[in-house]
Protein backbone atom coordinates (compact mmCIF):
# COMPACT_ATOMS: atom_id res chain seq x y z
CA MET A 1 -11.65 3.38 -40.99
CA VAL A 2 -14.03 2.70 -43.84
CA SER A 3 -17.08 4.92 -44.79
CA ASP A 4 -19.40 3.16 -42.36
CA GLY A 5 -17.25 4.37 -39.50
CA LEU A 6 -16.03 0.88 -38.54
CA TRP A 7 -12.64 -0.76 -38.72
CA SER A 8 -11.64 -3.95 -40.49
CA ILE A 9 -9.95 -6.61 -38.40
CA GLY A 10 -6.65 -5.68 -39.96
CA GLU A 11 -7.10 -2.01 -39.01
CA LEU A 12 -8.00 -2.84 -35.46
CA ALA A 13 -5.07 -5.17 -35.20
CA GLU A 14 -2.64 -2.48 -36.50
CA ARG A 15 -3.96 0.18 -34.13
CA ALA A 16 -3.78 -2.23 -31.13
CA GLY A 17 -0.28 -3.38 -32.10
CA VAL A 18 -1.40 -7.08 -32.30
CA THR A 19 -1.79 -9.66 -34.98
CA VAL A 20 -4.98 -10.31 -36.89
CA LYS A 21 -4.81 -13.75 -35.47
CA THR A 22 -5.04 -12.32 -32.00
CA VAL A 23 -8.10 -10.16 -32.82
CA ARG A 24 -9.76 -13.13 -34.41
CA PHE A 25 -9.08 -15.33 -31.42
CA TYR A 26 -10.69 -12.89 -28.94
CA SER A 27 -13.61 -12.42 -31.31
CA ASP A 28 -14.13 -16.10 -31.63
CA ARG A 29 -14.12 -16.42 -27.83
CA GLY A 30 -16.82 -13.75 -27.57
CA LEU A 31 -14.50 -11.31 -25.79
CA LEU A 32 -14.44 -8.76 -28.59
CA PRO A 33 -17.88 -8.45 -30.12
CA GLU A 34 -18.15 -7.27 -33.74
CA ALA A 35 -20.06 -4.12 -34.66
CA GLY A 36 -21.15 -5.63 -37.91
CA ARG A 37 -20.10 -7.25 -41.15
CA SER A 38 -19.12 -5.80 -44.49
CA SER A 39 -21.10 -6.64 -47.65
CA GLY A 40 -18.45 -9.28 -48.27
CA GLY A 41 -18.95 -10.82 -44.84
CA HIS A 42 -15.77 -9.41 -43.26
CA ARG A 43 -15.73 -8.46 -39.60
CA ARG A 44 -16.10 -4.77 -38.66
CA TYR A 45 -15.35 -3.20 -35.29
CA GLY A 46 -16.25 0.11 -33.70
CA SER A 47 -13.69 2.44 -32.15
CA ASP A 48 -14.68 1.22 -28.65
CA ALA A 49 -13.23 -2.23 -29.65
CA LEU A 50 -9.75 -0.73 -29.44
CA ASP A 51 -10.10 0.18 -25.77
CA ARG A 52 -11.62 -3.16 -25.00
CA LEU A 53 -8.84 -4.98 -26.83
CA ARG A 54 -6.18 -3.02 -24.91
CA LEU A 55 -7.99 -3.87 -21.58
CA ILE A 56 -8.09 -7.55 -22.52
CA ARG A 57 -4.41 -7.52 -23.41
CA SER A 58 -3.55 -5.81 -20.05
CA LEU A 59 -5.48 -8.45 -18.06
CA ARG A 60 -4.00 -11.27 -20.06
CA ALA A 61 -0.51 -9.79 -19.48
CA LEU A 62 -1.40 -10.23 -15.70
CA ASP A 63 -2.25 -13.86 -16.38
CA VAL A 64 -5.88 -13.35 -15.82
CA PRO A 65 -7.75 -16.36 -17.27
CA LEU A 66 -10.03 -15.71 -20.20
CA PRO A 67 -13.30 -16.53 -18.31
CA GLU A 68 -12.29 -13.97 -15.68
CA VAL A 69 -11.47 -11.39 -18.39
CA ASP A 70 -15.03 -11.72 -19.69
CA ARG A 71 -16.41 -11.12 -16.18
CA VAL A 72 -14.32 -7.99 -15.73
CA VAL A 73 -15.20 -6.45 -19.16
CA PRO A 74 -18.59 -7.99 -20.17
CA GLY A 75 -19.36 -4.86 -22.17
CA ALA A 76 -17.83 -1.48 -22.80
CA GLU A 77 -17.29 -0.73 -19.12
CA VAL A 78 -15.02 -2.26 -16.62
CA ARG A 79 -16.77 -3.87 -13.62
CA GLU A 80 -14.67 -2.49 -10.74
CA ASP A 81 -16.05 -4.94 -8.14
CA VAL A 82 -15.14 -7.90 -10.31
CA LEU A 83 -11.81 -6.47 -11.19
CA GLU A 84 -10.96 -6.07 -7.49
CA GLU A 85 -11.96 -9.60 -6.79
CA VAL A 86 -9.98 -10.99 -9.75
CA VAL A 87 -6.87 -8.96 -8.87
CA ALA A 88 -7.01 -10.15 -5.19
CA GLY A 89 -7.27 -13.73 -6.45
CA ARG A 90 -4.31 -13.36 -8.76
CA LEU A 91 -2.25 -11.80 -6.00
CA ARG A 92 -2.93 -14.83 -3.81
CA GLN A 93 -1.88 -17.14 -6.64
CA VAL A 94 1.28 -15.21 -7.34
CA GLY A 95 2.10 -15.09 -3.67
CA ALA A 96 1.84 -18.89 -3.48
CA GLN A 97 4.00 -19.27 -6.57
CA LEU A 98 6.62 -16.92 -5.14
CA ALA A 99 6.61 -18.84 -1.84
CA GLU A 100 7.19 -22.12 -3.77
CA LEU A 101 10.11 -20.49 -5.73
CA ARG A 102 11.66 -19.16 -2.58
CA TRP A 103 11.55 -22.66 -0.95
CA ARG A 104 12.91 -24.19 -4.05
CA GLU A 105 15.77 -21.68 -4.24
CA ALA A 106 16.66 -22.12 -0.56
CA SER A 107 16.48 -25.96 -0.95
CA LEU A 108 18.86 -25.83 -3.95
CA ARG A 109 21.28 -23.55 -2.03
CA LEU A 110 21.13 -25.98 0.92
CA VAL A 111 22.19 -28.92 -1.38
CA ARG A 112 24.68 -26.81 -3.31
CA ASP A 113 26.55 -25.48 -0.27
CA CYS A 114 26.82 -28.58 1.88
CA ALA A 115 29.66 -31.11 1.78
CA ALA A 116 29.45 -33.74 -0.93
CA GLY A 117 28.95 -36.48 1.66
CA GLU A 118 25.87 -34.77 3.13
CA ARG A 119 24.01 -34.24 -0.10
CA ALA A 120 22.25 -37.65 -0.38
CA GLU A 121 20.97 -37.34 3.17
CA ARG A 122 19.67 -33.81 2.63
CA LEU A 123 17.99 -34.80 -0.59
CA ARG A 124 16.12 -37.60 1.19
CA LEU A 125 15.00 -35.13 3.88
CA LEU A 126 13.82 -32.65 1.27
CA GLY A 127 12.16 -35.31 -0.78
CA ALA A 128 9.73 -36.07 2.07
CA VAL A 129 8.42 -32.46 2.30
CA THR A 130 6.12 -30.67 -0.15
CA VAL A 131 7.10 -27.41 -1.63
CA PRO A 132 6.15 -25.09 -0.21
CA PRO A 133 5.69 -27.23 2.93
CA ASP A 134 2.46 -27.68 4.92
CA THR A 135 2.29 -28.25 8.57
CA GLU A 136 -0.26 -31.07 8.72
CA ALA A 137 2.34 -33.64 9.84
CA LEU A 138 3.35 -31.36 12.75
CA ALA A 139 -0.36 -30.87 13.73
CA ARG A 140 -0.93 -34.58 13.65
CA PHE A 141 2.14 -35.17 15.95
CA TRP A 142 0.75 -32.79 18.53
CA ARG A 143 -2.81 -34.21 18.30
CA ARG A 144 -1.17 -37.60 19.25
CA VAL A 145 0.73 -35.99 22.08
CA LEU A 146 -2.17 -34.01 23.54
CA PRO A 147 -4.71 -35.72 25.79
CA VAL A 148 -7.65 -37.22 24.00
CA ARG A 149 -10.07 -35.52 26.43
CA LEU A 150 -8.85 -32.09 25.57
CA PRO A 151 -11.66 -29.82 24.20
CA GLY A 152 -11.42 -28.86 20.56
CA ARG A 153 -11.07 -25.15 21.25
CA VAL A 154 -8.10 -25.89 23.58
CA VAL A 155 -6.50 -28.18 21.00
CA SER A 156 -6.74 -25.36 18.39
CA LEU A 157 -5.24 -22.90 20.87
CA VAL A 158 -2.29 -25.29 21.51
CA LEU A 159 -1.74 -26.02 17.80
CA ASP A 160 -1.65 -22.34 17.00
CA SER A 161 1.15 -21.93 19.53
CA VAL A 162 3.27 -24.91 18.98
CA VAL A 163 3.15 -25.46 15.21
CA PRO A 164 5.47 -22.96 13.39
CA ARG A 165 4.31 -21.49 10.18
CA PRO A 166 6.94 -22.03 7.40
CA PRO A 167 8.71 -18.82 6.63
CA GLU A 168 7.73 -17.08 3.38
CA ASP A 169 11.35 -16.40 2.49
CA PRO A 170 13.31 -19.16 4.14
CA SER A 171 17.10 -19.40 4.53
CA PRO A 172 18.72 -22.78 3.65
CA ALA A 173 19.13 -23.41 7.43
CA GLN A 174 15.35 -22.97 7.97
CA VAL A 175 14.64 -25.35 5.10
CA LEU A 176 16.87 -27.87 6.70
CA ALA A 177 15.35 -27.35 10.15
CA PHE A 178 11.85 -27.84 8.73
CA ALA A 179 12.80 -30.99 6.83
CA ARG A 180 14.36 -32.42 9.93
CA LEU A 181 11.37 -31.41 12.01
CA HIS A 182 9.07 -33.18 9.52
CA ALA A 183 11.30 -36.34 9.67
CA LEU A 184 11.18 -36.25 13.51
CA VAL A 185 7.36 -36.12 13.79
CA THR A 186 6.81 -38.72 11.06
CA ASP A 187 9.33 -41.17 12.51
CA PRO A 188 7.51 -44.52 12.78
CA ARG A 189 9.33 -45.26 15.98
CA LEU A 190 6.97 -42.77 17.73
CA ASP A 191 4.40 -45.47 17.66
CA THR A 192 6.37 -47.39 20.18
CA ALA A 193 6.17 -46.77 23.91
CA GLU A 194 9.92 -46.33 24.20
CA HIS A 195 9.94 -43.26 21.88
CA ARG A 196 6.46 -41.87 22.47
CA PRO A 197 6.52 -38.51 24.29
CA ALA A 198 5.30 -38.79 27.87
CA PRO A 199 2.13 -36.94 29.07
CA PRO A 200 2.60 -33.74 31.00
CA LEU A 201 1.09 -35.46 34.11
CA PRO A 202 0.23 -39.03 34.86
CA ASP A 203 -2.72 -40.05 32.80
CA GLY A 204 -6.00 -39.99 34.60
CA GLU A 205 -4.74 -37.81 37.52
CA TYR A 206 -5.47 -34.36 36.06
CA ARG A 207 -7.93 -32.24 34.19
CA PRO A 208 -6.32 -31.49 30.75
CA ALA A 209 -8.35 -28.36 29.86
CA VAL A 210 -7.50 -26.72 33.22
CA LEU A 211 -3.81 -27.53 32.71
CA TYR A 212 -3.45 -26.15 29.14
CA GLU A 213 -5.56 -23.13 29.73
CA GLY A 214 -3.44 -22.33 32.81
CA LEU A 215 -0.15 -22.98 30.94
CA ALA A 216 -1.34 -20.58 28.24
CA GLU A 217 -1.62 -17.81 30.80
CA ALA A 218 1.75 -18.68 32.40
CA TYR A 219 3.50 -18.61 28.92
CA ALA A 220 1.97 -15.23 28.22
CA LEU A 221 3.36 -13.86 31.46
CA ALA A 222 6.70 -15.53 30.81
CA ALA A 223 6.84 -13.92 27.35
CA ALA A 224 6.04 -10.46 28.79
CA GLU A 225 8.78 -10.92 31.43
CA ALA A 226 11.28 -11.96 28.79
CA ARG A 227 10.52 -8.97 26.55
CA ALA A 228 11.04 -6.77 29.61
CA GLY A 229 14.47 -8.35 30.11
CA GLY A 230 13.54 -10.49 33.22
CA ALA A 231 13.83 -14.10 33.95
CA PRO A 232 11.36 -16.50 35.69
CA GLN A 233 11.53 -16.31 39.47
CA ASP A 234 9.20 -16.34 42.51
CA GLY A 235 5.83 -14.76 41.62
CA GLY A 236 4.60 -13.88 38.22
CA ALA A 237 4.93 -16.48 35.48
CA LEU A 238 6.63 -19.08 37.64
CA ASP A 239 3.83 -19.13 40.27
CA CYS A 240 1.23 -19.26 37.47
CA PHE A 241 3.14 -22.04 35.79
CA VAL A 242 3.05 -24.21 38.97
CA ALA A 243 -0.47 -23.19 39.77
CA ALA A 244 -1.64 -24.58 36.35
CA TYR A 245 -0.28 -28.03 37.23
CA ALA A 246 -1.60 -27.88 40.79
CA HIS A 247 -5.12 -26.71 39.77
CA ALA A 248 -5.22 -29.34 37.12
CA SER A 249 -4.26 -32.11 39.62
CA GLY A 250 -6.75 -30.81 42.17
CA VAL A 251 -4.04 -30.15 44.88
CA ARG A 252 -2.54 -27.09 46.54
CA ASP A 253 0.76 -25.53 45.44
CA THR A 254 3.10 -26.64 48.22
CA ARG A 255 6.82 -27.28 48.47
CA ALA A 256 6.21 -31.02 48.28
CA PHE A 257 4.19 -30.57 45.11
CA ARG A 258 6.85 -28.46 43.55
CA ARG A 259 9.47 -31.13 44.19
CA ARG A 260 7.24 -33.73 42.64
CA LEU A 261 6.55 -31.43 39.61
CA VAL A 262 10.24 -31.05 38.90
CA GLY A 263 10.56 -34.82 38.47
CA LEU A 264 7.38 -34.93 36.21
CA LEU A 265 8.67 -32.09 34.04
CA ALA A 266 11.88 -33.95 33.57
CA LEU A 267 10.03 -36.97 32.24
CA HIS A 268 7.82 -34.87 29.99
CA ASP A 269 10.81 -33.07 28.47
CA GLY A 270 12.12 -36.15 26.84
CA PRO A 271 14.41 -36.40 23.84
CA VAL A 272 11.61 -36.10 21.17
CA ILE A 273 10.04 -32.99 22.60
CA GLY A 274 13.47 -31.47 23.30
CA ARG A 275 14.56 -32.14 19.65
CA TYR A 276 11.25 -30.77 18.40
CA TRP A 277 11.78 -27.38 20.09
CA LYS A 278 15.37 -27.21 19.15
CA LEU A 279 14.45 -27.53 15.45
CA ALA A 280 11.35 -25.44 15.65
CA ALA A 281 12.88 -22.44 17.47
CA GLY A 282 14.41 -20.98 14.33
CA LEU A 283 11.16 -21.26 12.32
CA PHE A 284 9.14 -18.87 14.50
CA ALA A 285 9.13 -15.15 13.82
CA PRO A 286 11.73 -13.19 15.82
CA ASP A 287 9.07 -11.45 17.88
CA GLU A 288 6.92 -14.63 18.36
CA PRO A 289 7.27 -16.36 21.72
CA VAL A 290 8.45 -19.98 21.44
CA LEU A 291 6.46 -22.02 23.92
CA GLY A 292 9.09 -24.78 24.14
CA VAL A 293 11.74 -22.16 25.16
CA LEU A 294 9.37 -20.50 27.65
CA HIS A 295 8.47 -23.88 29.06
CA HIS A 296 12.11 -24.87 29.38
CA HIS A 297 12.98 -21.53 31.17
CA LEU A 298 10.06 -22.03 33.57
CA SER A 299 11.10 -25.66 34.27
CA VAL A 300 14.63 -24.70 34.91
CA ALA A 301 13.63 -21.87 37.23
CA LEU A 302 11.47 -24.13 39.19
CA GLY A 303 14.21 -26.77 39.55
CA VAL A 304 16.61 -24.08 40.72
CA GLN A 305 14.15 -22.81 43.29
CA VAL A 306 13.32 -26.35 44.59
CA HIS A 307 17.05 -27.26 44.94
CA ALA A 308 17.83 -24.00 46.66
CA ARG A 309 15.07 -24.57 49.22
CA THR A 310 16.31 -28.15 49.88
CA ALA A 311 20.02 -27.28 50.08
């Protein structure tokens, strides 16, 4: 340190363990203000510049952009509120990058570990999905399946329940399931009447909001029964399930209605919906109820009950 109590750019660089070029770069960007100039016009820095330079290097090592660095340390003191905001933002970005890397790794393992004859098909499936994947195609599929008169709040409730969130750390099998699920819901053949999923009840003969709100209650009961180790039977979830269809249709829950409902459910559970739930089942969290599975169990239980009563 020279007699004026200030450091030259070289002295500051040596104490900070960086190059003179680095100090000059931060100075030129306004991140490291000078304390003055020598008689010869050379930059001089006070001792506080060393702490500031170390803070800048730490933030840059965390990949904090330079404009954000200046917000965190606009002067000699760190702005704690801004630092908290910046760190939270970087954590979100790193999380997204890690998710992308995990999906890429699982995708590469999927291609590496399959038989040679399967690789071209798997590459085509993977090429149609973003990395990490989004669920917009799945949501569009269900918006086409759901009744057009369904209130927006009910649509949101249904979508939250039927569209699986891509796992943050997927296995190759989950990557393949998601890619096949994406291919299923984007298949152009779904635009034809032959392949389009059937409505849950004959169109125009029921109140959609009443049906889906009632089904949400039935599925919640069925999930609770399943966690308790039980199966759908008379009372509880099964009665609630049938009541949802009856109330939506404006009729009473009778034996005749239950027989008719068994046939309607068989039509609704066509190959597309069945395939959807088969692929989606492994993408939900282990403790998360899969509505397609709950619906299938309730439908089967109803069919068993109806056939037992008519035998």
